[in-house]
């Protein structure tokens, strides 16, 4: 059994933040290569927004933002998300 210490299971992985970002980029690139779509159940937010235009194209992203703005001109629904 692994011991729980300070809310962590096991030892901290050195440079985990950099490794996490690199792995995330590789996963998104792989999804795009396989014609997958990057999505989110509750909207595209801070983590996935940088990859969405690569996946769907700038024109589609602009269109999706315009639709959100039409229904939510004040940006109060799902704040911080682009859709």
C-alpha atoms as a PDB file:
ATOM      1  CA  UNK A   1       0.000   0.000   0.000  1.00  0.00           C
ATOM      2  CA  UNK A   2       1.205   3.499  -0.845  1.00  0.00           C
ATOM      3  CA  UNK A   3       1.408   5.948   2.025  1.00  0.00           C
ATOM      4  CA  UNK A   4      -0.449   9.257   1.825  1.00  0.00           C
ATOM      5  CA  UNK A   5       1.664  12.219   2.933  1.00  0.00           C
ATOM      6  CA  UNK A   6       0.589  15.872   2.776  1.00  0.00           C
ATOM      7  CA  UNK A   7      -2.239  14.951   0.390  1.00  0.00           C
ATOM      8  CA  UNK A   8       0.163  13.235  -2.031  1.00  0.00           C
ATOM      9  CA  UNK A   9       0.434   9.566  -2.836  1.00  0.00           C
ATOM     10  CA  UNK A  10       4.085   8.608  -3.113  1.00  0.00           C
ATOM     11  CA  UNK A  11       6.982  10.907  -3.850  1.00  0.00           C
ATOM     12  CA  UNK A  12       6.632  14.020  -5.974  1.00  0.00           C
ATOM     13  CA  UNK A  13       7.858  13.539  -9.531  1.00  0.00           C
ATOM     14  CA  UNK A  14      10.664  15.989 -10.350  1.00  0.00           C
ATOM     15  CA  UNK A  15       9.708  18.554 -13.030  1.00  0.00           C
ATOM     16  CA  UNK A  16       6.134  17.205 -13.114  1.00  0.00           C
ATOM     17  CA  UNK A  17       4.657  20.501 -14.332  1.00  0.00           C
ATOM     18  CA  UNK A  18       6.873  20.577 -17.412  1.00  0.00           C
ATOM     19  CA  UNK A  19       6.283  16.885 -18.070  1.00  0.00           C
ATOM     20  CA  UNK A  20       2.529  17.363 -17.671  1.00  0.00           C
ATOM     21  CA  UNK A  21       2.449  20.172 -20.245  1.00  0.00           C
ATOM     22  CA  UNK A  22       4.582  18.206 -22.724  1.00  0.00           C
ATOM     23  CA  UNK A  23       2.364  15.129 -22.349  1.00  0.00           C
ATOM     24  CA  UNK A  24      -0.796  17.218 -22.760  1.00  0.00           C
ATOM     25  CA  UNK A  25       0.537  18.716 -26.011  1.00  0.00           C
ATOM     26  CA  UNK A  26       1.468  15.248 -27.295  1.00  0.00           C
ATOM     27  CA  UNK A  27      -2.012  13.915 -26.456  1.00  0.00           C
ATOM     28  CA  UNK A  28      -3.775  16.772 -28.245  1.00  0.00           C
ATOM     29  CA  UNK A  29      -1.481  16.442 -31.260  1.00  0.00           C
ATOM     30  CA  UNK A  30      -2.214  12.717 -31.381  1.00  0.00           C
ATOM     31  CA  UNK A  31      -5.975  13.354 -31.200  1.00  0.00           C
ATOM     32  CA  UNK A  32      -5.733  15.829 -34.084  1.00  0.00           C
ATOM     33  CA  UNK A  33      -3.629  13.419 -36.181  1.00  0.00           C
ATOM     34  CA  UNK A  34      -6.338  10.796 -35.677  1.00  0.00           C
ATOM     35  CA  UNK A  35      -9.053  13.281 -36.730  1.00  0.00           C
ATOM     36  CA  UNK A  36     -10.343  13.496 -33.176  1.00  0.00           C
ATOM     37  CA  UNK A  37     -11.907  16.610 -31.726  1.00  0.00           C
ATOM     38  CA  UNK A  38     -10.761  18.305 -28.560  1.00  0.00           C
ATOM     39  CA  UNK A  39     -13.828  19.039 -26.490  1.00  0.00           C
ATOM     40  CA  UNK A  40     -15.031  19.584 -22.986  1.00  0.00           C
ATOM     41  CA  UNK A  41     -18.202  18.449 -21.325  1.00  0.00           C
ATOM     42  CA  UNK A  42     -18.780  21.851 -19.725  1.00  0.00           C
ATOM     43  CA  UNK A  43     -17.206  24.048 -22.380  1.00  0.00           C
ATOM     44  CA  UNK A  44     -13.757  24.777 -23.678  1.00  0.00           C
ATOM     45  CA  UNK A  45     -11.822  26.642 -21.050  1.00  0.00           C
ATOM     46  CA  UNK A  46      -8.305  27.684 -20.272  1.00  0.00           C
ATOM     47  CA  UNK A  47      -6.614  24.329 -20.801  1.00  0.00           C
ATOM     48  CA  UNK A  48      -8.066  23.343 -24.164  1.00  0.00           C
ATOM     49  CA  UNK A  49      -8.731  26.681 -25.853  1.00  0.00           C
ATOM     50  CA  UNK A  50      -5.208  26.993 -27.289  1.00  0.00           C
ATOM     51  CA  UNK A  51      -5.641  23.701 -29.146  1.00  0.00           C
ATOM     52  CA  UNK A  52      -9.175  24.185 -30.449  1.00  0.00           C
ATOM     53  CA  UNK A  53      -8.340  26.393 -33.449  1.00  0.00           C
ATOM     54  CA  UNK A  54      -5.750  23.847 -34.596  1.00  0.00           C
ATOM     55  CA  UNK A  55      -8.461  21.224 -34.427  1.00  0.00           C
ATOM     56  CA  UNK A  56     -11.459  23.076 -35.875  1.00  0.00           C
ATOM     57  CA  UNK A  57      -9.922  26.052 -37.677  1.00  0.00           C
ATOM     58  CA  UNK A  58     -10.049  29.755 -36.835  1.00  0.00           C
ATOM     59  CA  UNK A  59     -13.240  30.369 -38.827  1.00  0.00           C
ATOM     60  CA  UNK A  60     -15.195  27.785 -36.851  1.00  0.00           C
ATOM     61  CA  UNK A  61     -13.871  29.103 -33.543  1.00  0.00           C
ATOM     62  CA  UNK A  62     -14.922  32.662 -34.476  1.00  0.00           C
ATOM     63  CA  UNK A  63     -18.368  31.392 -35.439  1.00  0.00           C
ATOM     64  CA  UNK A  64     -18.750  29.490 -32.156  1.00  0.00           C
ATOM     65  CA  UNK A  65     -17.702  32.576 -30.182  1.00  0.00           C
ATOM     66  CA  UNK A  66     -20.252  34.681 -32.080  1.00  0.00           C
ATOM     67  CA  UNK A  67     -23.028  32.206 -31.242  1.00  0.00           C
ATOM     68  CA  UNK A  68     -22.072  32.282 -27.546  1.00  0.00           C
ATOM     69  CA  UNK A  69     -22.003  36.087 -27.596  1.00  0.00           C
ATOM     70  CA  UNK A  70     -25.470  36.183 -29.209  1.00  0.00           C
ATOM     71  CA  UNK A  71     -26.950  34.077 -26.398  1.00  0.00           C
ATOM     72  CA  UNK A  72     -24.745  35.454 -23.605  1.00  0.00           C
ATOM     73  CA  UNK A  73     -23.785  39.049 -24.451  1.00  0.00           C
ATOM     74  CA  UNK A  74     -22.784  39.810 -20.853  1.00  0.00           C
ATOM     75  CA  UNK A  75     -20.585  36.712 -20.519  1.00  0.00           C
ATOM     76  CA  UNK A  76     -22.350  35.549 -17.358  1.00  0.00           C
ATOM     77  CA  UNK A  77     -23.058  31.966 -18.465  1.00  0.00           C
ATOM     78  CA  UNK A  78     -20.121  29.647 -17.872  1.00  0.00           C
ATOM     79  CA  UNK A  79     -17.701  32.532 -17.231  1.00  0.00           C
ATOM     80  CA  UNK A  80     -14.109  31.982 -18.269  1.00  0.00           C
ATOM     81  CA  UNK A  81     -15.092  29.571 -21.033  1.00  0.00           C
ATOM     82  CA  UNK A  82     -15.135  30.468 -24.706  1.00  0.00           C
ATOM     83  CA  UNK A  83     -18.249  28.401 -25.455  1.00  0.00           C
END
